[in-house]
């Protein structure tokens, strides 16, 4: 349904407004105009949206990561907001349609949650490389900066969901007199099974990519460009740091 709705939207939009008005370039140009004005309403809305998204991403993951019995009303609330704020593809698409029944569990959710951002990033990279080949150096540099901005925005949105999913692989517990360790997120999974032990290796790789990799990337970019970011008068016009504007726009040098 999501794919059909997206296809229908694209078809009617291009029929009414023309294909030339529906492109990455025009979208990124609109974003650039909005982000260049600190007083623009989108700036204030974006800051509030970032705070709200981070808060609900963390809150909605608590029942699945902590061995605590929460009230039913709280669990219902977190379940309702989890798919939206954590951008959980499992909650939007039935993975049972394309995954074997043996993987239609925590493992299926894990793979879709962690691999989807990598797939999106790869597609954006390939599209950008193709478009850069037809542009002059200045335009190509601006295009690359805008796509990096989209990439950093994506990493921010999926950081909480991918991180908690990766670490959840190691959260196991026992019940009563049964010495078998079961996964808290899916009690049908034996944590000591050979399959799960192998899956822990994949989870360790995802921990290096997401919680370690994303925070290291942010730290590197902010440290490398610290002098330009602290220049309150010239940073808004400095094209060298516009690709990381998502990281510093909400903070003042002082």
Protein backbone atom coordinates (compact mmCIF):
# COMPACT_ATOMS: atom_id res chain seq x y z
CA UNK A 1 0.00 0.00 0.00
CA UNK A 2 2.86 2.36 0.83
CA UNK A 3 4.52 1.70 -2.54
CA UNK A 4 1.23 2.13 -4.41
CA UNK A 5 0.46 5.39 -2.56
CA UNK A 6 3.93 6.77 -3.36
CA UNK A 7 3.61 5.77 -7.03
CA UNK A 8 0.17 7.36 -7.30
CA UNK A 9 1.42 10.59 -5.69
CA UNK A 10 4.34 10.79 -8.12
CA UNK A 11 2.07 10.10 -11.13
CA UNK A 12 -0.51 12.77 -10.31
CA UNK A 13 2.11 15.34 -9.24
CA UNK A 14 4.06 15.00 -12.48
CA UNK A 15 0.87 15.10 -14.55
CA UNK A 16 -0.30 18.32 -12.92
CA UNK A 17 2.97 20.19 -12.39
CA UNK A 18 5.32 18.44 -14.83
CA UNK A 19 8.31 16.19 -14.22
CA UNK A 20 10.70 19.14 -14.18
CA UNK A 21 9.13 20.30 -10.90
CA UNK A 22 9.65 16.95 -9.19
CA UNK A 23 13.35 16.39 -8.76
CA UNK A 24 16.04 16.09 -6.10
CA UNK A 25 17.51 19.37 -7.29
CA UNK A 26 14.37 21.44 -6.69
CA UNK A 27 13.75 19.79 -3.34
CA UNK A 28 17.30 20.49 -2.15
CA UNK A 29 17.08 24.08 -3.44
CA UNK A 30 13.94 24.65 -1.36
CA UNK A 31 15.66 23.16 1.68
CA UNK A 32 18.68 25.40 1.13
CA UNK A 33 16.54 28.54 0.96
CA UNK A 34 14.76 27.62 4.17
CA UNK A 35 17.88 26.63 6.12
CA UNK A 36 19.67 29.79 5.06
CA UNK A 37 17.23 31.95 7.04
CA UNK A 38 17.43 31.51 10.83
CA UNK A 39 14.09 33.30 11.25
CA UNK A 40 12.29 31.04 8.80
CA UNK A 41 9.42 29.16 10.43
CA UNK A 42 10.91 25.86 9.27
CA UNK A 43 13.99 26.49 11.42
CA UNK A 44 11.95 26.78 14.62
CA UNK A 45 9.80 23.82 13.64
CA UNK A 46 12.84 21.68 12.78
CA UNK A 47 14.44 22.28 16.16
CA UNK A 48 11.28 21.28 18.02
CA UNK A 49 10.81 18.26 15.73
CA UNK A 50 14.36 17.05 16.42
CA UNK A 51 13.84 17.23 20.18
CA UNK A 52 10.45 15.54 20.03
CA UNK A 53 11.69 12.80 17.70
CA UNK A 54 14.67 11.97 19.91
CA UNK A 55 12.51 11.90 23.04
CA UNK A 56 9.86 9.57 21.63
CA UNK A 57 12.42 7.32 19.96
CA UNK A 58 13.96 6.65 23.36
CA UNK A 59 10.65 6.36 25.23
CA UNK A 60 9.12 3.93 22.73
CA UNK A 61 12.11 1.59 23.00
CA UNK A 62 12.13 1.23 26.80
CA UNK A 63 9.61 -1.67 27.06
CA UNK A 64 11.71 -3.75 24.63
CA UNK A 65 15.07 -3.08 26.26
CA UNK A 66 14.30 -3.18 29.99
CA UNK A 67 12.94 -6.20 31.86
CA UNK A 68 10.28 -4.09 33.57
CA UNK A 69 6.53 -4.69 33.54
CA UNK A 70 4.98 -1.41 32.46
CA UNK A 71 1.29 -0.50 32.75
CA UNK A 72 -0.85 -1.61 29.83
CA UNK A 73 -1.72 1.97 28.92
CA UNK A 74 1.98 2.86 28.66
CA UNK A 75 2.78 -0.19 26.54
CA UNK A 76 -0.12 0.63 24.23
CA UNK A 77 1.13 4.19 23.90
CA UNK A 78 4.72 3.19 23.12
CA UNK A 79 3.56 0.58 20.62
CA UNK A 80 1.45 3.18 18.82
CA UNK A 81 4.28 5.70 18.46
CA UNK A 82 7.13 3.23 17.92
CA UNK A 83 6.60 2.57 14.20
CA UNK A 84 6.29 6.28 13.40
CA UNK A 85 9.04 7.91 15.46
CA UNK A 86 11.52 5.05 15.05
CA UNK A 87 10.87 4.90 11.29
CA UNK A 88 10.38 1.18 11.71
CA UNK A 89 9.77 -0.40 8.31
CA UNK A 90 8.45 -3.52 10.05
CA UNK A 91 5.56 -1.54 11.43
CA UNK A 92 4.68 -0.16 8.02
CA UNK A 93 5.23 -3.19 5.79
CA UNK A 94 4.39 -6.81 6.51
CA UNK A 95 7.75 -8.55 6.28
CA UNK A 96 5.95 -11.88 6.23
CA UNK A 97 5.32 -11.24 2.53
CA UNK A 98 8.98 -11.54 1.57
CA UNK A 99 10.76 -13.23 4.52
CA UNK A 100 10.65 -16.95 5.40
CA UNK A 101 8.45 -17.76 8.38
CA UNK A 102 11.57 -18.82 10.34
CA UNK A 103 12.87 -15.25 10.09
CA UNK A 104 9.55 -13.52 10.73
CA UNK A 105 10.62 -12.61 14.26
CA UNK A 106 13.23 -10.44 15.91
CA UNK A 107 15.74 -11.46 13.23
CA UNK A 108 13.57 -10.19 10.40
CA UNK A 109 12.96 -6.91 12.19
CA UNK A 110 16.69 -6.61 12.89
CA UNK A 111 17.71 -7.07 9.27
CA UNK A 112 15.17 -4.64 7.84
CA UNK A 113 15.85 -2.00 10.51
CA UNK A 114 19.62 -2.08 10.05
CA UNK A 115 19.93 -2.74 6.31
CA UNK A 116 17.28 -0.32 5.02
CA UNK A 117 19.29 2.85 5.91
CA UNK A 118 22.36 1.36 4.23
CA UNK A 119 20.32 0.65 1.10
CA UNK A 120 18.87 4.18 1.02
CA UNK A 121 22.33 5.68 1.48
CA UNK A 122 23.71 3.57 -1.36
CA UNK A 123 20.90 4.66 -3.70
CA UNK A 124 21.46 8.35 -2.88
CA UNK A 125 25.19 7.89 -3.45
CA UNK A 126 24.71 6.27 -6.87
CA UNK A 127 22.20 8.94 -7.96
CA UNK A 128 24.55 11.69 -6.82
CA UNK A 129 27.52 10.19 -8.68
CA UNK A 130 25.43 9.97 -11.85
CA UNK A 131 24.19 13.56 -11.57
CA UNK A 132 27.67 14.94 -10.78
CA UNK A 133 28.99 13.66 -14.10
CA UNK A 134 26.79 16.18 -15.96
CA UNK A 135 27.64 19.23 -13.82
CA UNK A 136 30.47 21.74 -13.68
CA UNK A 137 32.80 21.59 -10.62
CA UNK A 138 30.99 24.36 -8.70
CA UNK A 139 27.52 22.89 -9.22
CA UNK A 140 28.83 19.40 -8.48
CA UNK A 141 30.31 20.63 -5.19
CA UNK A 142 27.00 22.21 -4.14
CA UNK A 143 25.10 19.05 -5.11
CA UNK A 144 27.45 16.91 -3.03
CA UNK A 145 27.07 19.21 -0.03
CA UNK A 146 23.27 19.08 -0.24
CA UNK A 147 23.26 15.28 -0.46
CA UNK A 148 25.60 15.04 2.51
CA UNK A 149 23.07 17.14 4.40
CA UNK A 150 20.34 14.64 3.52
CA UNK A 151 22.62 11.80 4.62
CA UNK A 152 23.31 13.39 8.01
CA UNK A 153 19.59 13.96 8.48
CA UNK A 154 18.95 10.29 7.75
CA UNK A 155 21.59 9.17 10.26
CA UNK A 156 19.97 11.33 12.94
CA UNK A 157 16.52 9.88 12.30
CA UNK A 158 17.58 6.22 12.39
CA UNK A 159 20.24 6.49 15.11
CA UNK A 160 18.04 5.55 18.08
CA UNK A 161 16.15 2.70 16.38
CA UNK A 162 19.22 1.05 14.83
CA UNK A 163 21.29 1.42 18.00
CA UNK A 164 18.70 -0.09 20.34
CA UNK A 165 17.96 -2.88 17.84
CA UNK A 166 21.65 -3.80 17.63
CA UNK A 167 22.14 -3.88 21.40
CA UNK A 168 18.86 -5.73 21.99
CA UNK A 169 20.50 -8.82 20.47
CA UNK A 170 22.51 -9.20 23.68
CA UNK A 171 19.65 -8.63 26.16
CA UNK A 172 18.75 -12.09 27.47
CA UNK A 173 17.16 -13.38 30.67
CA UNK A 174 15.96 -16.58 32.37
CA UNK A 175 12.46 -17.35 33.67
CA UNK A 176 11.78 -19.28 36.87
CA UNK A 177 13.62 -22.57 37.23
CA UNK A 178 14.36 -22.74 33.51
CA UNK A 179 18.08 -22.12 33.01
CA UNK A 180 17.65 -21.41 29.32
CA UNK A 181 18.38 -17.79 28.43
CA UNK A 182 15.74 -16.17 26.24
CA UNK A 183 15.89 -12.95 24.29
CA UNK A 184 13.87 -10.24 26.06
CA UNK A 185 12.62 -8.79 22.77
CA UNK A 186 11.46 -12.21 21.51
CA UNK A 187 11.02 -14.95 24.12
CA UNK A 188 10.89 -17.65 21.46
CA UNK A 189 14.61 -17.18 20.78
CA UNK A 190 17.24 -19.15 22.71
CA UNK A 191 20.22 -16.85 23.27
CA UNK A 192 22.58 -19.82 23.57
CA UNK A 193 21.64 -21.37 20.23
CA UNK A 194 24.26 -21.52 17.50
CA UNK A 195 22.13 -19.40 15.18
CA UNK A 196 21.77 -16.60 17.72
CA UNK A 197 25.46 -16.68 18.59
CA UNK A 198 26.22 -16.21 14.92
CA UNK A 199 23.72 -13.37 14.76
CA UNK A 200 25.58 -11.63 17.59
CA UNK A 201 28.51 -11.23 15.22
CA UNK A 202 26.28 -9.39 12.74
CA UNK A 203 24.94 -7.29 15.59
CA UNK A 204 28.48 -6.36 16.64
CA UNK A 205 29.14 -5.16 13.08
CA UNK A 206 25.99 -3.02 13.17
CA UNK A 207 27.10 -1.53 16.51
CA UNK A 208 30.33 -0.45 14.82
CA UNK A 209 28.38 1.05 11.91
CA UNK A 210 25.62 2.86 13.80
CA UNK A 211 26.26 3.92 17.43
CA UNK A 212 30.06 3.98 17.04
CA UNK A 213 30.25 5.01 13.40
CA UNK A 214 27.62 7.79 13.44
CA UNK A 215 28.87 9.43 16.64
CA UNK A 216 32.46 9.20 15.41
CA UNK A 217 31.46 10.81 12.10
CA UNK A 218 29.67 13.64 13.90
CA UNK A 219 32.62 14.19 16.23
CA UNK A 220 35.12 14.19 13.37
CA UNK A 221 33.16 16.70 11.28
CA UNK A 222 32.55 19.06 14.20
CA UNK A 223 36.18 18.90 15.35
CA UNK A 224 37.60 19.37 11.85
CA UNK A 225 35.38 22.40 11.15
CA UNK A 226 35.33 23.82 14.70
CA UNK A 227 36.97 27.14 13.75
CA UNK A 228 34.56 27.78 10.88
CA UNK A 229 31.55 26.81 13.03
CA UNK A 230 32.62 29.19 15.80
CA UNK A 231 32.81 32.08 13.33
CA UNK A 232 29.40 33.59 14.07
CA UNK A 233 29.61 36.17 11.27
CA UNK A 234 30.80 34.02 8.42
CA UNK A 235 29.61 30.49 9.08
CA UNK A 236 26.22 30.93 7.41
CA UNK A 237 27.96 31.83 4.13
CA UNK A 238 30.81 29.34 4.42
CA UNK A 239 30.09 26.69 1.81
CA UNK A 240 32.63 24.29 3.34
CA UNK A 241 30.42 23.63 6.37
CA UNK A 242 26.96 23.81 4.83
CA UNK A 243 26.85 20.03 4.42
CA UNK A 244 26.89 19.70 8.24
CA UNK A 245 24.56 22.61 8.97
CA UNK A 246 22.20 20.05 10.46
CA UNK A 247 24.69 19.54 13.31
CA UNK A 248 25.46 23.14 14.26
CA UNK A 249 22.57 25.34 13.11
CA UNK A 250 20.74 25.15 16.47
CA UNK A 251 23.80 26.17 18.51
CA UNK A 252 25.45 29.57 18.91
CA UNK A 253 29.24 29.94 19.08
CA UNK A 254 29.01 31.65 22.47
